[in-house]
Amino acid sequence: MGNREMEELIPLVNRLQDAFSALGQSCLLELPQIAVVGGQSAGKSSVLENFVGRDFLPRGSGIVTRRPLVLQLVTSKAEYAEFLHCKGKKFTDFDEVRHEIEAETDRVTGMNKGISSIPINLRVYSPHVLNLTLIDLPGITKVPVGDQPPDIEYQIREMIMQFITRENCLILAVTPANTDLANSDALKLAKEVDPQGLRTIGVITKLDLMDEGTDARDVLENKLLPLRRGYVGVVNRSQKDIDGKKDIKAAMVAERKFFLSHPAYRHIADRMGTPHLQKVLNQQLTNHIRDTLPNFRNKLQGQLLSIEHEVEAYKNFKPEDPTRKTKALLQMVQQFAVDFEKRIEGSGDQVDTLELSGGAKINRIFHERFPFEIVKMEFNEKELRREISYAIKNIHGIRTGLFTPDMAFEAIVKKQIVKLKGPSLKSVDLVMQELINTVKKCTKKLANFPRLCEETERIVANHIREREGKTKDQVLLLIDIQVSYINTNHEDFIGFANAQQRSSQVHKKTTIGNQGTNLPPSRQIVIRKGWLTISNIGIMKGGSKGYWFVLTAESLSWYKDDEEKEKKYMLPLDNLKVRDVEKSFMSSKHIFALFNTEQRNVYKDYRFLELACDSQEDVDSWKASLLRAGVYPDKSIV
C-alpha cells in the first residue's frame, strides 16, 4: 500500500464514522481512532486546540468536557467546522463552535455538571491540521459536584472504558508533569486495558510548571514507565495566557523556545512539542488503520450482509399502501406455517447442527424416552408375588382353590396397565413443550414486527395447549380400553405355551464368544453406534480412553476408531443390566455402568464396565438404546 493510499485511509474512516452515526448505534463498528484520556485539568483540551490552532473548546475549572467529543481533523484549503447534528451548516467563527458544543452538551446533560455517553461529532477542515480522528473524553474525577450523582467517578470510568477497551482504539494518556507519574489516572486506566503498552501514547503536559530543580527527562526518554509508543512532552498556554487572548501560534513559538533552551530537554527537542505530537499521532493512526484494515474489512462486509438481509425483509412493505400490508402479512404467516411444517417433517432449509429439535426431538421422545420411562417405573417382584397370592386367596374366599382363577390374573394385569398412564402423559407434556419451542424458533423471522410475532406465538401456543387436553383424554381412553378387555387370543399374548417355548430357546442359545458370532443377519441389526469413553479401565492404565462402540440386539462391541477395522472386544448382552454412576467432582463426564446380574466379571477382571458421555442427554439416549437391546436399568447407584 503506497503513501498516497495510506493518506486517504483516515478521511475514508471519517466518512464511515459519519455514515454509521447517522444509521444509529446498532450499525456502529469499532473504527480506528484515538481516545484522549486524563484527569481533570490535565490539559487535554489545550492539546486538542493546539492541533487545530484555534480556541474552540469549552474551558473552565472543574469538569468541563461532559460528553465525548469525536473530533475529526481533515486537511483542507478552507478553514471551517461542521457538526453532525447541524447538517449543511458551516461554522467559520470558532467562538460559535464553542457555544454550539456548550449548548449541545447542556441539551442532553442539563445545566449543572451532568454527564452523558452520547457523543458530539465535530469535523474541522483546515490547512493547518493533519488527518486525525480523536475522541475528547470527560476528565477523571473523584468527588461529585453540583447535581452530579454520587457514583460520578464510576460513570466516567465506565464511559472511558467503552472506548479504550476496543482493540482498534489508540489511547492518548495525558498526564501533567507536576504530579507523580505513578499516580496518573490516565496511565492506570490504559494499563488495565493495554498491559503491554502496545496501544498507549503518553503525553506529558505542564512541563513549564514543574518545581525548580526537577524535570521529566527520565519519563520523556521512556525509562521510568516504558511505553511501546513512547512519550511526547508539550507546553500548553496557561490560564493567564488564555484570558489574555494569547495567540496559539505565539504559544507554539514559546513552546519550541522552551524545549530548545531547557538543559534537560535540549537534546530531545526535535521529538517534543505539539507539531511533533500531531505528526506522531497521524503516523501512528495511519499505521494502526493499516494493521487493522483486513479485520475491519471483514467486519464491514458482515455488517453489510446483515443490513442487506434486513432490507430484504422490508422490500414488500409500503406503509401507505394497505394492500401491500395485507399481502406482506399473509406472506409472513404462510412462511411461518411452512417453516413450522419443515421443522417437524425434517426437510427444513436451515438444519440445526447443534442439537436435536423439532421432529427429531419428538421422534426421540417416542422411541427412546417413552420406553425408558416405562422401564424406570417402580417394580418390586416380591410385592407383586404377594399381591398375586392375596388376589388368588381373596377370589377363592372360604374355598380352597385348585386352579389359578382368571379374575386374579385380570386384577393384577389391570393394575400394571394403569401404571402406563404416568409415562404416557409425561410423553405428551414433552411433545407439547417441543412443539411450543419449535413455534418460538419459527417466529424469530417475525422479530421485526413484535406485535405480529407475539400474537402469532400466543395463538399457536394456545391452540397446541387446547389440543394437549384432548390428546391426554385420548391417551387415557386408549389405556382404559386396554384395561377393560384383555385379549388372551392375541398373537403377542404370552400364554403358558409361548412362555415355555421362549424359556427353552434361551437355554439352547449358543454362548457368544469374543471373536465373532454366527447369528443370522436379522439378529445382528445395529441399534446404535457412537463414541464412548471407558473410564474405570482407563484409570488403571493412566487415563480414560475413547472407543467407537457398536450396539446390536445381541452384543456390544468396541473398536479403535469409527472405521471399524480393529475390533477391541465384543461383549454379549446376556444377563447384563445398566445402572447410574455418581458423577465425580473431578470429572466433567457423565457415567453409566454395565454389570452382570450373576455377579460375573463383565470384561476381563472388571466387575463393572463404566462408560462415559459428554452430557446427561447422551447417557439417557444410550440407556434407551440398551433397553431396546434388552439391557434393563437397575435402580441402585454405583
Foldseek 3Di string as FASTA:
>chain_A
DDPVVLLVVLVVLVVVQLVQVVVPDVLDDLGFAEEEAFAFPLCSQLLVCLQLQHPQADDDHDKRPQEKEWEWEAEDDDWWKDWSVRPPDTHPDSPVNHVVSQVVQCVPQNDWRGHDHDYTYMYIYYNRHGTHIYIYAIHQDDQDDGPYDRCNNVVSLVSSCVNLLDPSYAYEQRGEPQDDPVPTPSVVSNCVNPVQQARYEYEYEPQVVHDPPDGCLCQQVQNPPHHPLGYAYEYGDDPVCVVVVPRSVVRQVVRLVVQCPDPSRNVVSVCYYSVNVSVSNSVVSSVSCVVCVVVVVVVSVVSVVVVVVVVVLCPQPDPVDVVSVVVSLVVLVVQLVVQLVCQQVVNDPDDDPPDDAHNRVLVCLVQFVLVQVLLPPDDDPVVLVVQLVVLQDVVCDPHDDDDRDVVSVLVSVLVSLVVSLVSVLVSLVVNLVRSLVSSLVSLVSVVVPVVSSVVSSVVVNVVSVVVSVVVSVVVVVVSVVCSVDPDCPDPPRCDPVNVVVVVVVVVPDDDDDWPDDPDPPVQFDWLDKDKKWFAPVQVVVPGIDIWIWTDTLFWIWTARYPVPPGTDTIFGCPQKAKEFEDDDPVDQWGKIWIAHPVQDCRPDPHRIGIITDNDVVVVSRVQSSVVVSVHRYDYDYD
